[in-house]
């Protein structure tokens, strides 16, 4: 027996995955641009920036009621 409701949900998930991949590709492109602007290897990893990004994601996740365990 075919569960049409399940198929519909999976189709929506597939569409979201496609959109997500487009965003990831854009982000990778921007990260590569940033890397090109950095002159020295010790500039590549910015611990302050990483910490800020993770904190922002955590805040936005809580605000949007996304489980962040």
C-alpha atoms as a PDB file:
ATOM      1  CA  UNK A   1       0.000   0.000   0.000  1.00  0.00           C
ATOM      2  CA  UNK A   2       1.342   3.423  -0.968  1.00  0.00           C
ATOM      3  CA  UNK A   3       1.294   6.061   1.712  1.00  0.00           C
ATOM      4  CA  UNK A   4       0.620   9.241  -0.280  1.00  0.00           C
ATOM      5  CA  UNK A   5       0.915  11.500   2.729  1.00  0.00           C
ATOM      6  CA  UNK A   6       4.400  10.158   3.396  1.00  0.00           C
ATOM      7  CA  UNK A   7       5.386  10.585  -0.258  1.00  0.00           C
ATOM      8  CA  UNK A   8       4.183  14.193  -0.200  1.00  0.00           C
ATOM      9  CA  UNK A   9       6.209  14.949   2.919  1.00  0.00           C
ATOM     10  CA  UNK A  10       9.306  13.320   1.434  1.00  0.00           C
ATOM     11  CA  UNK A  11       8.914  15.377  -1.720  1.00  0.00           C
ATOM     12  CA  UNK A  12       8.844  18.557   0.387  1.00  0.00           C
ATOM     13  CA  UNK A  13      11.973  17.380   2.208  1.00  0.00           C
ATOM     14  CA  UNK A  14      13.707  16.771  -1.107  1.00  0.00           C
ATOM     15  CA  UNK A  15      12.883  20.316  -2.237  1.00  0.00           C
ATOM     16  CA  UNK A  16      14.248  21.738   1.010  1.00  0.00           C
ATOM     17  CA  UNK A  17      17.416  19.677   0.591  1.00  0.00           C
ATOM     18  CA  UNK A  18      17.886  21.137  -2.887  1.00  0.00           C
ATOM     19  CA  UNK A  19      17.519  24.682  -1.550  1.00  0.00           C
ATOM     20  CA  UNK A  20      19.873  23.907   1.290  1.00  0.00           C
ATOM     21  CA  UNK A  21      22.524  22.634  -1.117  1.00  0.00           C
ATOM     22  CA  UNK A  22      22.290  25.845  -3.140  1.00  0.00           C
ATOM     23  CA  UNK A  23      22.888  27.851   0.039  1.00  0.00           C
ATOM     24  CA  UNK A  24      25.821  25.668   1.041  1.00  0.00           C
ATOM     25  CA  UNK A  25      27.364  26.136  -2.395  1.00  0.00           C
ATOM     26  CA  UNK A  26      26.994  29.934  -2.107  1.00  0.00           C
ATOM     27  CA  UNK A  27      28.559  29.869   1.343  1.00  0.00           C
ATOM     28  CA  UNK A  28      31.493  27.789   0.151  1.00  0.00           C
ATOM     29  CA  UNK A  29      32.076  30.256  -2.677  1.00  0.00           C
ATOM     30  CA  UNK A  30      32.117  33.171  -0.228  1.00  0.00           C
ATOM     31  CA  UNK A  31      34.441  31.335   2.147  1.00  0.00           C
ATOM     32  CA  UNK A  32      36.821  30.720  -0.729  1.00  0.00           C
ATOM     33  CA  UNK A  33      36.750  34.438  -1.549  1.00  0.00           C
ATOM     34  CA  UNK A  34      37.640  35.223   2.056  1.00  0.00           C
ATOM     35  CA  UNK A  35      40.522  32.742   1.930  1.00  0.00           C
ATOM     36  CA  UNK A  36      41.897  34.428  -1.176  1.00  0.00           C
ATOM     37  CA  UNK A  37      42.035  37.760   0.645  1.00  0.00           C
ATOM     38  CA  UNK A  38      44.053  36.367   3.535  1.00  0.00           C
ATOM     39  CA  UNK A  39      47.763  36.711   3.119  1.00  0.00           C
ATOM     40  CA  UNK A  40      49.080  34.428   5.869  1.00  0.00           C
ATOM     41  CA  UNK A  41      48.026  30.955   6.976  1.00  0.00           C
ATOM     42  CA  UNK A  42      47.592  32.078  10.586  1.00  0.00           C
ATOM     43  CA  UNK A  43      44.811  34.380   9.355  1.00  0.00           C
ATOM     44  CA  UNK A  44      42.758  31.512   7.961  1.00  0.00           C
ATOM     45  CA  UNK A  45      41.235  30.377  11.255  1.00  0.00           C
ATOM     46  CA  UNK A  46      39.599  33.223  13.118  1.00  0.00           C
ATOM     47  CA  UNK A  47      38.602  31.778  16.489  1.00  0.00           C
ATOM     48  CA  UNK A  48      36.728  34.934  17.500  1.00  0.00           C
ATOM     49  CA  UNK A  49      34.689  34.789  14.307  1.00  0.00           C
ATOM     50  CA  UNK A  50      33.931  31.082  14.773  1.00  0.00           C
ATOM     51  CA  UNK A  51      32.829  31.695  18.348  1.00  0.00           C
ATOM     52  CA  UNK A  52      30.574  34.567  17.236  1.00  0.00           C
ATOM     53  CA  UNK A  53      29.028  32.505  14.438  1.00  0.00           C
ATOM     54  CA  UNK A  54      28.255  29.606  16.773  1.00  0.00           C
ATOM     55  CA  UNK A  55      26.782  31.942  19.376  1.00  0.00           C
ATOM     56  CA  UNK A  56      24.616  33.631  16.746  1.00  0.00           C
ATOM     57  CA  UNK A  57      23.395  30.274  15.461  1.00  0.00           C
ATOM     58  CA  UNK A  58      22.562  29.184  18.996  1.00  0.00           C
ATOM     59  CA  UNK A  59      20.598  32.402  19.642  1.00  0.00           C
ATOM     60  CA  UNK A  60      18.723  32.162  16.356  1.00  0.00           C
ATOM     61  CA  UNK A  61      17.946  28.507  16.995  1.00  0.00           C
ATOM     62  CA  UNK A  62      16.448  29.310  20.380  1.00  0.00           C
ATOM     63  CA  UNK A  63      14.494  32.231  18.934  1.00  0.00           C
ATOM     64  CA  UNK A  64      13.082  29.992  16.211  1.00  0.00           C
ATOM     65  CA  UNK A  65      12.434  27.157  18.653  1.00  0.00           C
ATOM     66  CA  UNK A  66      14.885  24.777  17.037  1.00  0.00           C
ATOM     67  CA  UNK A  67      16.229  22.056  19.303  1.00  0.00           C
ATOM     68  CA  UNK A  68      19.931  22.785  19.846  1.00  0.00           C
ATOM     69  CA  UNK A  69      20.946  19.840  21.992  1.00  0.00           C
END
